[in-house]
PDB file of N, CA and C in Angstrom:
ATOM      1  N   UNK A   1       8.145  24.355 -18.085  1.00  0.00           N
ATOM      2  CA  UNK A   1       8.147  23.197 -18.964  1.00  0.00           C
ATOM      3  C   UNK A   1       6.775  23.081 -19.632  1.00  0.00           C
ATOM      4  N   UNK A   2       6.798  22.629 -20.852  1.00  0.00           N
ATOM      5  CA  UNK A   2       5.532  22.434 -21.556  1.00  0.00           C
ATOM      6  C   UNK A   2       4.957  21.045 -21.243  1.00  0.00           C
ATOM      7  N   UNK A   3       3.752  20.807 -21.695  1.00  0.00           N
ATOM      8  CA  UNK A   3       3.045  19.572 -21.386  1.00  0.00           C
ATOM      9  C   UNK A   3       3.707  18.329 -21.945  1.00  0.00           C
ATOM     10  N   UNK A   4       4.301  18.440 -23.128  1.00  0.00           N
ATOM     11  CA  UNK A   4       4.950  17.283 -23.748  1.00  0.00           C
ATOM     12  C   UNK A   4       6.157  16.842 -22.926  1.00  0.00           C
ATOM     13  N   UNK A   5       6.910  17.796 -22.423  1.00  0.00           N
ATOM     14  CA  UNK A   5       8.078  17.458 -21.599  1.00  0.00           C
ATOM     15  C   UNK A   5       7.643  16.774 -20.306  1.00  0.00           C
ATOM     16  N   UNK A   6       6.604  17.307 -19.674  1.00  0.00           N
ATOM     17  CA  UNK A   6       6.114  16.699 -18.436  1.00  0.00           C
ATOM     18  C   UNK A   6       5.572  15.295 -18.685  1.00  0.00           C
ATOM     19  N   UNK A   7       4.861  15.107 -19.790  1.00  0.00           N
ATOM     20  CA  UNK A   7       4.345  13.784 -20.133  1.00  0.00           C
ATOM     21  C   UNK A   7       5.491  12.808 -20.416  1.00  0.00           C
ATOM     22  N   UNK A   8       6.522  13.267 -21.099  1.00  0.00           N
ATOM     23  CA  UNK A   8       7.677  12.424 -21.397  1.00  0.00           C
ATOM     24  C   UNK A   8       8.377  11.993 -20.109  1.00  0.00           C
ATOM     25  N   UNK A   9       8.560  12.927 -19.194  1.00  0.00           N
ATOM     26  CA  UNK A   9       9.198  12.602 -17.914  1.00  0.00           C
ATOM     27  C   UNK A   9       8.360  11.598 -17.136  1.00  0.00           C
ATOM     28  N   UNK A  10       7.045  11.780 -17.141  1.00  0.00           N
ATOM     29  CA  UNK A  10       6.163  10.863 -16.427  1.00  0.00           C
ATOM     30  C   UNK A  10       6.231   9.458 -17.003  1.00  0.00           C
ATOM     31  N   UNK A  11       6.180   9.342 -18.320  1.00  0.00           N
ATOM     32  CA  UNK A  11       6.237   8.026 -18.971  1.00  0.00           C
ATOM     33  C   UNK A  11       7.581   7.349 -18.696  1.00  0.00           C
ATOM     34  N   UNK A  12       8.666   8.106 -18.789  1.00  0.00           N
ATOM     35  CA  UNK A  12       9.984   7.525 -18.500  1.00  0.00           C
ATOM     36  C   UNK A  12      10.092   7.095 -17.038  1.00  0.00           C
ATOM     37  N   UNK A  13       9.532   7.883 -16.120  1.00  0.00           N
ATOM     38  CA  UNK A  13       9.563   7.520 -14.705  1.00  0.00           C
ATOM     39  C   UNK A  13       8.782   6.241 -14.447  1.00  0.00           C
ATOM     40  N   UNK A  14       7.654   6.057 -15.143  1.00  0.00           N
ATOM     41  CA  UNK A  14       6.868   4.833 -14.987  1.00  0.00           C
ATOM     42  C   UNK A  14       7.683   3.623 -15.462  1.00  0.00           C
ATOM     43  N   UNK A  15       8.331   3.737 -16.608  1.00  0.00           N
ATOM     44  CA  UNK A  15       9.118   2.619 -17.122  1.00  0.00           C
ATOM     45  C   UNK A  15      10.306   2.303 -16.217  1.00  0.00           C
ATOM     46  N   UNK A  16      11.021   3.323 -15.779  1.00  0.00           N
ATOM     47  CA  UNK A  16      12.167   3.105 -14.903  1.00  0.00           C
ATOM     48  C   UNK A  16      11.709   2.503 -13.574  1.00  0.00           C
ATOM     49  N   UNK A  17      10.621   3.024 -13.007  1.00  0.00           N
ATOM     50  CA  UNK A  17      10.095   2.485 -11.750  1.00  0.00           C
ATOM     51  C   UNK A  17       9.696   1.033 -11.883  1.00  0.00           C
ATOM     52  N   UNK A  18       9.039   0.688 -12.974  1.00  0.00           N
ATOM     53  CA  UNK A  18       8.638  -0.706 -13.197  1.00  0.00           C
ATOM     54  C   UNK A  18       9.860  -1.611 -13.299  1.00  0.00           C
ATOM     55  N   UNK A  19      10.864  -1.184 -14.040  1.00  0.00           N
ATOM     56  CA  UNK A  19      12.067  -1.999 -14.206  1.00  0.00           C
ATOM     57  C   UNK A  19      12.803  -2.173 -12.883  1.00  0.00           C
ATOM     58  N   UNK A  20      12.894  -1.125 -12.089  1.00  0.00           N
ATOM     59  CA  UNK A  20      13.601  -1.216 -10.814  1.00  0.00           C
ATOM     60  C   UNK A  20      12.866  -2.145  -9.855  1.00  0.00           C
ATOM     61  N   UNK A  21      11.551  -1.973  -9.738  1.00  0.00           N
ATOM     62  CA  UNK A  21      10.788  -2.787  -8.790  1.00  0.00           C
ATOM     63  C   UNK A  21      10.714  -4.241  -9.241  1.00  0.00           C
ATOM     64  N   UNK A  22      10.639  -4.499 -10.538  1.00  0.00           N
ATOM     65  CA  UNK A  22      10.548  -5.884 -11.008  1.00  0.00           C
ATOM     66  C   UNK A  22      11.848  -6.651 -10.795  1.00  0.00           C
ATOM     67  N   UNK A  23      12.961  -5.966 -10.636  1.00  0.00           N
ATOM     68  CA  UNK A  23      14.259  -6.629 -10.423  1.00  0.00           C
ATOM     69  C   UNK A  23      14.557  -6.879  -8.946  1.00  0.00           C
ATOM     70  N   UNK A  24      13.718  -6.415  -8.040  1.00  0.00           N
ATOM     71  CA  UNK A  24      13.963  -6.578  -6.608  1.00  0.00           C
ATOM     72  C   UNK A  24      13.587  -8.000  -6.196  1.00  0.00           C
ATOM     73  N   UNK A  25      14.453  -8.629  -5.409  1.00  0.00           N
ATOM     74  CA  UNK A  25      14.146  -9.988  -4.956  1.00  0.00           C
ATOM     75  C   UNK A  25      13.007  -9.944  -3.933  1.00  0.00           C
ATOM     76  N   UNK A  26      12.340 -11.065  -3.761  1.00  0.00           N
ATOM     77  CA  UNK A  26      11.160 -11.101  -2.895  1.00  0.00           C
ATOM     78  C   UNK A  26      11.506 -10.834  -1.437  1.00  0.00           C
ATOM     79  N   UNK A  27      12.733 -11.105  -1.008  1.00  0.00           N
ATOM     80  CA  UNK A  27      13.099 -10.858   0.391  1.00  0.00           C
ATOM     81  C   UNK A  27      13.258  -9.372   0.687  1.00  0.00           C
ATOM     82  N   UNK A  28      13.417  -8.568  -0.337  1.00  0.00           N
ATOM     83  CA  UNK A  28      13.584  -7.129  -0.129  1.00  0.00           C
ATOM     84  C   UNK A  28      12.306  -6.336  -0.340  1.00  0.00           C
ATOM     85  N   UNK A  29      11.203  -6.985  -0.706  1.00  0.00           N
ATOM     86  CA  UNK A  29       9.973  -6.248  -0.975  1.00  0.00           C
ATOM     87  C   UNK A  29       9.417  -5.566   0.264  1.00  0.00           C
ATOM     88  N   UNK A  30       9.506  -6.196   1.440  1.00  0.00           N
ATOM     89  CA  UNK A  30       8.965  -5.591   2.653  1.00  0.00           C
ATOM     90  C   UNK A  30       9.723  -4.321   3.029  1.00  0.00           C
ATOM     91  N   UNK A  31      11.059  -4.315   3.060  1.00  0.00           N
ATOM     92  CA  UNK A  31      11.744  -3.046   3.335  1.00  0.00           C
ATOM     93  C   UNK A  31      11.489  -1.996   2.262  1.00  0.00           C
ATOM     94  N   UNK A  32      11.358  -2.431   1.016  1.00  0.00           N
ATOM     95  CA  UNK A  32      11.070  -1.484  -0.060  1.00  0.00           C
ATOM     96  C   UNK A  32       9.707  -0.846   0.133  1.00  0.00           C
ATOM     97  N   UNK A  33       8.711  -1.645   0.542  1.00  0.00           N
ATOM     98  CA  UNK A  33       7.375  -1.100   0.791  1.00  0.00           C
ATOM     99  C   UNK A  33       7.395  -0.144   1.975  1.00  0.00           C
ATOM    100  N   UNK A  34       8.183  -0.424   2.994  1.00  0.00           N
ATOM    101  CA  UNK A  34       8.261   0.472   4.142  1.00  0.00           C
ATOM    102  C   UNK A  34       8.844   1.823   3.723  1.00  0.00           C
ATOM    103  N   UNK A  35       9.864   1.797   2.901  1.00  0.00           N
ATOM    104  CA  UNK A  35      10.431   3.054   2.400  1.00  0.00           C
ATOM    105  C   UNK A  35       9.456   3.802   1.512  1.00  0.00           C
ATOM    106  N   UNK A  36       8.716   3.065   0.697  1.00  0.00           N
ATOM    107  CA  UNK A  36       7.719   3.701  -0.171  1.00  0.00           C
ATOM    108  C   UNK A  36       6.595   4.315   0.655  1.00  0.00           C
ATOM    109  N   UNK A  37       6.223   3.679   1.765  1.00  0.00           N
ATOM    110  CA  UNK A  37       5.187   4.252   2.629  1.00  0.00           C
ATOM    111  C   UNK A  37       5.641   5.574   3.222  1.00  0.00           C
ATOM    112  N   UNK A  38       6.912   5.685   3.576  1.00  0.00           N
ATOM    113  CA  UNK A  38       7.427   6.951   4.100  1.00  0.00           C
ATOM    114  C   UNK A  38       7.347   8.045   3.035  1.00  0.00           C
ATOM    115  N   UNK A  39       7.679   7.702   1.805  1.00  0.00           N
ATOM    116  CA  UNK A  39       7.598   8.676   0.708  1.00  0.00           C
ATOM    117  C   UNK A  39       6.148   9.075   0.460  1.00  0.00           C
ATOM    118  N   UNK A  40       5.231   8.111   0.523  1.00  0.00           N
ATOM    119  CA  UNK A  40       3.822   8.427   0.298  1.00  0.00           C
ATOM    120  C   UNK A  40       3.267   9.309   1.410  1.00  0.00           C
ATOM    121  N   UNK A  41       3.793   9.166   2.609  1.00  0.00           N
ATOM    122  CA  UNK A  41       3.395  10.054   3.696  1.00  0.00           C
ATOM    123  C   UNK A  41       3.809  11.481   3.421  1.00  0.00           C
ATOM    124  N   UNK A  42       4.998  11.668   2.874  1.00  0.00           N
ATOM    125  CA  UNK A  42       5.469  13.004   2.514  1.00  0.00           C
ATOM    126  C   UNK A  42       4.624  13.579   1.389  1.00  0.00           C
ATOM    127  N   UNK A  43       4.263  12.756   0.429  1.00  0.00           N
ATOM    128  CA  UNK A  43       3.412  13.204  -0.675  1.00  0.00           C
ATOM    129  C   UNK A  43       2.048  13.632  -0.153  1.00  0.00           C
ATOM    130  N   UNK A  44       1.516  12.892   0.809  1.00  0.00           N
ATOM    131  CA  UNK A  44       0.218  13.250   1.397  1.00  0.00           C
ATOM    132  C   UNK A  44       0.298  14.599   2.107  1.00  0.00           C
ATOM    133  N   UNK A  45       1.359  14.833   2.846  1.00  0.00           N
ATOM    134  CA  UNK A  45       1.527  16.135   3.512  1.00  0.00           C
ATOM    135  C   UNK A  45       1.629  17.261   2.478  1.00  0.00           C
ATOM    136  N   UNK A  46       2.337  17.024   1.402  1.00  0.00           N
ATOM    137  CA  UNK A  46       2.437  18.028   0.339  1.00  0.00           C
ATOM    138  C   UNK A  46       1.096  18.307  -0.313  1.00  0.00           C
ATOM    139  N   UNK A  47       0.312  17.265  -0.550  1.00  0.00           N
ATOM    140  CA  UNK A  47      -1.006  17.450  -1.165  1.00  0.00           C
ATOM    141  C   UNK A  47      -1.935  18.226  -0.240  1.00  0.00           C
ATOM    142  N   UNK A  48      -1.861  17.945   1.061  1.00  0.00           N
ATOM    143  CA  UNK A  48      -2.682  18.690   2.017  1.00  0.00           C
ATOM    144  C   UNK A  48      -2.256  20.151   2.066  1.00  0.00           C
ATOM    145  N   UNK A  49      -0.957  20.407   1.992  1.00  0.00           N
ATOM    146  CA  UNK A  49      -0.447  21.779   1.992  1.00  0.00           C
ATOM    147  C   UNK A  49      -0.928  22.544   0.767  1.00  0.00           C
ATOM    148  N   UNK A  50      -0.868  21.912  -0.395  1.00  0.00           N
ATOM    149  CA  UNK A  50      -1.339  22.559  -1.621  1.00  0.00           C
ATOM    150  C   UNK A  50      -2.837  22.812  -1.542  1.00  0.00           C
ATOM    151  N   UNK A  51      -3.591  21.855  -1.020  1.00  0.00           N
ATOM    152  CA  UNK A  51      -5.047  22.031  -0.904  1.00  0.00           C
ATOM    153  C   UNK A  51      -5.378  23.169   0.053  1.00  0.00           C
ATOM    154  N   UNK A  52      -4.588  23.334   1.096  1.00  0.00           N
ATOM    155  CA  UNK A  52      -4.844  24.404   2.054  1.00  0.00           C
ATOM    156  C   UNK A  52      -4.535  25.779   1.525  1.00  0.00           C
ATOM    157  N   UNK A  53      -3.665  25.880   0.533  1.00  0.00           N
ATOM    158  CA  UNK A  53      -3.270  27.170  -0.015  1.00  0.00           C
ATOM    159  C   UNK A  53      -3.878  27.458  -1.380  1.00  0.00           C
ATOM    160  N   UNK A  54      -4.781  26.617  -1.843  1.00  0.00           N
ATOM    161  CA  UNK A  54      -5.359  26.783  -3.178  1.00  0.00           C
ATOM    162  C   UNK A  54      -6.341  27.950  -3.206  1.00  0.00           C
ATOM    163  N   UNK A  55      -6.221  28.766  -4.243  1.00  0.00           N
ATOM    164  CA  UNK A  55      -7.136  29.896  -4.426  1.00  0.00           C
ATOM    165  C   UNK A  55      -8.108  29.647  -5.576  1.00  0.00           C
ATOM    166  N   UNK A  56      -7.664  28.934  -6.586  1.00  0.00           N
ATOM    167  CA  UNK A  56      -8.523  28.630  -7.728  1.00  0.00           C
ATOM    168  C   UNK A  56      -9.291  27.338  -7.455  1.00  0.00           C
ATOM    169  N   UNK A  57     -10.545  27.268  -7.917  1.00  0.00           N
ATOM    170  CA  UNK A  57     -11.331  26.044  -7.679  1.00  0.00           C
ATOM    171  C   UNK A  57     -10.732  24.802  -8.340  1.00  0.00           C
ATOM    172  N   UNK A  58     -10.149  24.939  -9.521  1.00  0.00           N
ATOM    173  CA  UNK A  58      -9.592  23.770 -10.191  1.00  0.00           C
ATOM    174  C   UNK A  58      -8.331  23.287  -9.494  1.00  0.00           C
ATOM    175  N   UNK A  59      -7.550  24.190  -8.920  1.00  0.00           N
ATOM    176  CA  UNK A  59      -6.365  23.780  -8.159  1.00  0.00           C
ATOM    177  C   UNK A  59      -6.800  23.033  -6.896  1.00  0.00           C
ATOM    178  N   UNK A  60      -7.857  23.534  -6.261  1.00  0.00           N
ATOM    179  CA  UNK A  60      -8.388  22.866  -5.076  1.00  0.00           C
ATOM    180  C   UNK A  60      -8.909  21.472  -5.428  1.00  0.00           C
ATOM    181  N   UNK A  61      -9.591  21.341  -6.560  1.00  0.00           N
ATOM    182  CA  UNK A  61     -10.123  20.040  -6.974  1.00  0.00           C
ATOM    183  C   UNK A  61      -8.992  19.044  -7.242  1.00  0.00           C
ATOM    184  N   UNK A  62      -7.953  19.494  -7.934  1.00  0.00           N
ATOM    185  CA  UNK A  62      -6.825  18.601  -8.226  1.00  0.00           C
ATOM    186  C   UNK A  62      -6.084  18.250  -6.938  1.00  0.00           C
ATOM    187  N   UNK A  63      -5.946  19.227  -6.036  1.00  0.00           N
ATOM    188  CA  UNK A  63      -5.256  18.964  -4.769  1.00  0.00           C
ATOM    189  C   UNK A  63      -6.050  17.982  -3.908  1.00  0.00           C
ATOM    190  N   UNK A  64      -7.361  18.118  -3.880  1.00  0.00           N
ATOM    191  CA  UNK A  64      -8.172  17.177  -3.109  1.00  0.00           C
ATOM    192  C   UNK A  64      -8.129  15.779  -3.715  1.00  0.00           C
ATOM    193  N   UNK A  65      -8.092  15.705  -5.045  1.00  0.00           N
ATOM    194  CA  UNK A  65      -7.923  14.409  -5.696  1.00  0.00           C
ATOM    195  C   UNK A  65      -6.568  13.803  -5.320  1.00  0.00           C
ATOM    196  N   UNK A  66      -5.538  14.639  -5.267  1.00  0.00           N
ATOM    197  CA  UNK A  66      -4.208  14.160  -4.865  1.00  0.00           C
ATOM    198  C   UNK A  66      -4.227  13.669  -3.425  1.00  0.00           C
ATOM    199  N   UNK A  67      -4.954  14.346  -2.554  1.00  0.00           N
ATOM    200  CA  UNK A  67      -5.059  13.908  -1.155  1.00  0.00           C
ATOM    201  C   UNK A  67      -5.735  12.541  -1.083  1.00  0.00           C
ATOM    202  N   UNK A  68      -6.808  12.369  -1.822  1.00  0.00           N
ATOM    203  CA  UNK A  68      -7.533  11.087  -1.807  1.00  0.00           C
ATOM    204  C   UNK A  68      -6.654   9.960  -2.352  1.00  0.00           C
ATOM    205  N   UNK A  69      -5.988  10.202  -3.471  1.00  0.00           N
ATOM    206  CA  UNK A  69      -5.142   9.164  -4.063  1.00  0.00           C
ATOM    207  C   UNK A  69      -3.936   8.847  -3.192  1.00  0.00           C
ATOM    208  N   UNK A  70      -3.321   9.876  -2.607  1.00  0.00           N
ATOM    209  CA  UNK A  70      -2.172   9.648  -1.731  1.00  0.00           C
ATOM    210  C   UNK A  70      -2.587   8.878  -0.477  1.00  0.00           C
ATOM    211  N   UNK A  71      -3.765   9.192   0.053  1.00  0.00           N
ATOM    212  CA  UNK A  71      -4.254   8.464   1.226  1.00  0.00           C
ATOM    213  C   UNK A  71      -4.503   7.001   0.888  1.00  0.00           C
ATOM    214  N   UNK A  72      -5.143   6.747  -0.242  1.00  0.00           N
ATOM    215  CA  UNK A  72      -5.398   5.362  -0.659  1.00  0.00           C
ATOM    216  C   UNK A  72      -4.088   4.612  -0.872  1.00  0.00           C
ATOM    217  N   UNK A  73      -3.114   5.269  -1.459  1.00  0.00           N
ATOM    218  CA  UNK A  73      -1.814   4.654  -1.705  1.00  0.00           C
ATOM    219  C   UNK A  73      -1.095   4.350  -0.397  1.00  0.00           C
ATOM    220  N   UNK A  74      -1.154   5.277   0.550  1.00  0.00           N
ATOM    221  CA  UNK A  74      -0.497   5.096   1.843  1.00  0.00           C
ATOM    222  C   UNK A  74      -1.138   3.951   2.628  1.00  0.00           C
ATOM    223  N   UNK A  75      -2.452   3.953   2.714  1.00  0.00           N
ATOM    224  CA  UNK A  75      -3.155   2.899   3.450  1.00  0.00           C
ATOM    225  C   UNK A  75      -2.945   1.544   2.773  1.00  0.00           C
ATOM    226  N   UNK A  76      -3.031   1.514   1.452  1.00  0.00           N
ATOM    227  CA  UNK A  76      -2.795   0.268   0.723  1.00  0.00           C
ATOM    228  C   UNK A  76      -1.392  -0.269   0.934  1.00  0.00           C
ATOM    229  N   UNK A  77      -0.417   0.627   1.002  1.00  0.00           N
ATOM    230  CA  UNK A  77       0.960   0.202   1.256  1.00  0.00           C
ATOM    231  C   UNK A  77       1.113  -0.435   2.615  1.00  0.00           C
ATOM    232  N   UNK A  78       0.459   0.142   3.626  1.00  0.00           N
ATOM    233  CA  UNK A  78       0.529  -0.445   4.961  1.00  0.00           C
ATOM    234  C   UNK A  78      -0.182  -1.799   5.005  1.00  0.00           C
ATOM    235  N   UNK A  79      -1.278  -1.939   4.295  1.00  0.00           N
ATOM    236  CA  UNK A  79      -1.997  -3.222   4.257  1.00  0.00           C
ATOM    237  C   UNK A  79      -1.135  -4.294   3.598  1.00  0.00           C
ATOM    238  N   UNK A  80      -0.500  -3.939   2.484  1.00  0.00           N
ATOM    239  CA  UNK A  80       0.354  -4.905   1.778  1.00  0.00           C
ATOM    240  C   UNK A  80       1.553  -5.272   2.643  1.00  0.00           C
ATOM    241  N   UNK A  81       2.160  -4.290   3.310  1.00  0.00           N
ATOM    242  CA  UNK A  81       3.294  -4.566   4.179  1.00  0.00           C
ATOM    243  C   UNK A  81       2.889  -5.493   5.324  1.00  0.00           C
ATOM    244  N   UNK A  82       1.712  -5.254   5.899  1.00  0.00           N
ATOM    245  CA  UNK A  82       1.232  -6.103   6.981  1.00  0.00           C
ATOM    246  C   UNK A  82       1.015  -7.535   6.492  1.00  0.00           C
ATOM    247  N   UNK A  83       0.471  -7.684   5.304  1.00  0.00           N
ATOM    248  CA  UNK A  83       0.255  -9.032   4.753  1.00  0.00           C
ATOM    249  C   UNK A  83       1.581  -9.725   4.468  1.00  0.00           C
ATOM    250  N   UNK A  84       2.574  -8.968   4.007  1.00  0.00           N
ATOM    251  CA  UNK A  84       3.893  -9.564   3.759  1.00  0.00           C
ATOM    252  C   UNK A  84       4.530 -10.023   5.063  1.00  0.00           C
ATOM    253  N   UNK A  85       4.435  -9.178   6.095  1.00  0.00           N
ATOM    254  CA  UNK A  85       5.012  -9.558   7.379  1.00  0.00           C
ATOM    255  C   UNK A  85       4.282 -10.753   7.987  1.00  0.00           C
ATOM    256  N   UNK A  86       3.018 -10.891   7.700  1.00  0.00           N
ATOM    257  CA  UNK A  86       2.231 -12.032   8.190  1.00  0.00           C
ATOM    258  C   UNK A  86       2.781 -13.350   7.626  1.00  0.00           C
ATOM    259  N   UNK A  87       3.347 -13.309   6.424  1.00  0.00           N
ATOM    260  CA  UNK A  87       3.900 -14.519   5.820  1.00  0.00           C
ATOM    261  C   UNK A  87       5.125 -15.022   6.582  1.00  0.00           C
ATOM    262  N   UNK A  88       5.846 -14.126   7.259  1.00  0.00           N
ATOM    263  CA  UNK A  88       7.066 -14.511   7.959  1.00  0.00           C
ATOM    264  C   UNK A  88       6.800 -14.991   9.379  1.00  0.00           C
ATOM    265  N   UNK A  89       5.597 -14.832   9.873  1.00  0.00           N
ATOM    266  CA  UNK A  89       5.268 -15.307  11.211  1.00  0.00           C
ATOM    267  C   UNK A  89       4.974 -16.797  11.156  1.00  0.00           C
ATOM    268  N   UNK A  90       5.262 -17.480  12.251  1.00  0.00           N
ATOM    269  CA  UNK A  90       5.027 -18.919  12.299  1.00  0.00           C
ATOM    270  C   UNK A  90       3.538 -19.231  12.321  1.00  0.00           C
ATOM    271  N   UNK A  91       3.203 -20.427  11.910  1.00  0.00           N
ATOM    272  CA  UNK A  91       1.798 -20.856  11.927  1.00  0.00           C
ATOM    273  C   UNK A  91       1.393 -21.171  13.357  1.00  0.00           C
ATOM    274  N   UNK A  92       0.171 -20.818  13.699  1.00  0.00           N
ATOM    275  CA  UNK A  92      -0.340 -21.108  15.036  1.00  0.00           C
ATOM    276  C   UNK A  92      -0.884 -22.526  15.059  1.00  0.00           C
ATOM    277  N   UNK A  93      -0.691 -23.189  16.183  1.00  0.00           N
ATOM    278  CA  UNK A  93      -1.226 -24.552  16.339  1.00  0.00           C
ATOM    279  C   UNK A  93      -2.735 -24.459  16.488  1.00  0.00           C
ATOM    280  N   UNK A  94      -3.476 -25.391  15.878  1.00  0.00           N
ATOM    281  CA  UNK A  94      -4.935 -25.346  16.020  1.00  0.00           C
ATOM    282  C   UNK A  94      -5.332 -25.586  17.472  1.00  0.00           C
ATOM    283  N   UNK A  95      -6.307 -24.825  17.915  1.00  0.00           N
ATOM    284  CA  UNK A  95      -6.770 -24.944  19.297  1.00  0.00           C
ATOM    285  C   UNK A  95      -7.556 -26.236  19.464  1.00  0.00           C
ATOM    286  N   UNK A  96      -7.390 -26.869  20.635  1.00  0.00           N
ATOM    287  CA  UNK A  96      -8.149 -28.092  20.922  1.00  0.00           C
ATOM    288  C   UNK A  96      -9.600 -27.702  21.157  1.00  0.00           C
ATOM    289  N   UNK A  97     -10.492 -28.357  20.457  1.00  0.00           N
ATOM    290  CA  UNK A  97     -11.911 -28.023  20.587  1.00  0.00           C
ATOM    291  C   UNK A  97     -12.636 -29.092  21.397  1.00  0.00           C
ATOM    292  N   UNK A  98     -13.744 -28.698  21.952  1.00  0.00           N
ATOM    293  CA  UNK A  98     -14.565 -29.643  22.723  1.00  0.00           C
ATOM    294  C   UNK A  98     -15.188 -30.648  21.767  1.00  0.00           C
ATOM    295  N   UNK A  99     -15.418 -31.884  22.223  1.00  0.00           N
ATOM    296  CA  UNK A  99     -16.011 -32.886  21.333  1.00  0.00           C
ATOM    297  C   UNK A  99     -17.427 -32.488  20.911  1.00  0.00           C
ATOM    298  N   UNK A 100     -17.729 -32.708  19.654  1.00  0.00           N
ATOM    299  CA  UNK A 100     -19.054 -32.392  19.128  1.00  0.00           C
ATOM    300  C   UNK A 100     -19.975 -33.584  19.313  1.00  0.00           C
ATOM    301  N   UNK A 101     -21.235 -33.400  18.986  1.00  0.00           N
ATOM    302  CA  UNK A 101     -22.198 -34.501  19.128  1.00  0.00           C
ATOM    303  C   UNK A 101     -21.866 -35.651  18.191  1.00  0.00           C
ATOM    304  N   UNK A 102     -21.314 -35.377  17.019  1.00  0.00           N
ATOM    305  CA  UNK A 102     -20.926 -36.441  16.095  1.00  0.00           C
ATOM    306  C   UNK A 102     -19.779 -37.252  16.681  1.00  0.00           C
ATOM    307  N   UNK A 103     -18.837 -36.579  17.377  1.00  0.00           N
ATOM    308  CA  UNK A 103     -17.738 -37.288  18.019  1.00  0.00           C
ATOM    309  C   UNK A 103     -18.238 -38.190  19.137  1.00  0.00           C
ATOM    310  N   UNK A 104     -19.249 -37.718  19.857  1.00  0.00           N
ATOM    311  CA  UNK A 104     -19.789 -38.509  20.964  1.00  0.00           C
ATOM    312  C   UNK A 104     -20.477 -39.776  20.428  1.00  0.00           C
ATOM    313  N   UNK A 105     -21.149 -39.683  19.292  1.00  0.00           N
ATOM    314  CA  UNK A 105     -21.837 -40.850  18.725  1.00  0.00           C
ATOM    315  C   UNK A 105     -20.829 -41.905  18.307  1.00  0.00           C
ATOM    316  N   UNK A 106     -19.671 -41.443  17.724  1.00  0.00           N
ATOM    317  CA  UNK A 106     -18.661 -42.399  17.280  1.00  0.00           C
ATOM    318  C   UNK A 106     -18.016 -43.128  18.451  1.00  0.00           C
ATOM    319  N   UNK A 107     -17.828 -42.442  19.553  1.00  0.00           N
ATOM    320  CA  UNK A 107     -17.152 -43.072  20.703  1.00  0.00           C
ATOM    321  C   UNK A 107     -18.140 -43.760  21.620  1.00  0.00           C
ATOM    322  N   UNK A 108     -19.421 -43.560  21.420  1.00  0.00           N
ATOM    323  CA  UNK A 108     -20.429 -44.202  22.230  1.00  0.00           C
ATOM    324  C   UNK A 108     -20.736 -43.458  23.516  1.00  0.00           C
ATOM    325  N   UNK A 109     -20.364 -42.230  23.646  1.00  0.00           N
ATOM    326  CA  UNK A 109     -20.640 -41.460  24.858  1.00  0.00           C
ATOM    327  C   UNK A 109     -21.771 -40.515  24.648  1.00  0.00           C
TER     328      UNK A 109
END
């Protein structure tokens, strides 16, 4: 394939991906992120495999860039998923604290 075809496919994939993700309801975002994290893990393994078999310096540079970006994407996905799951947990009751000096002055103790 020539460069124009690859660029066209990439642009169309970005538009389709944006449209699909923007139509997902908020209750399904956490499972969607979990599935995306699994895909990003596979992409990271592929990038590491390509980097390990690279013979040309420019292929190695692009593969290492892919490893860095895939790692950032994977870690970021787990962070976002953790924050989403945190929203579904109940609020913790505030811990009872010992009286401060200002409290003692008000009560006369």
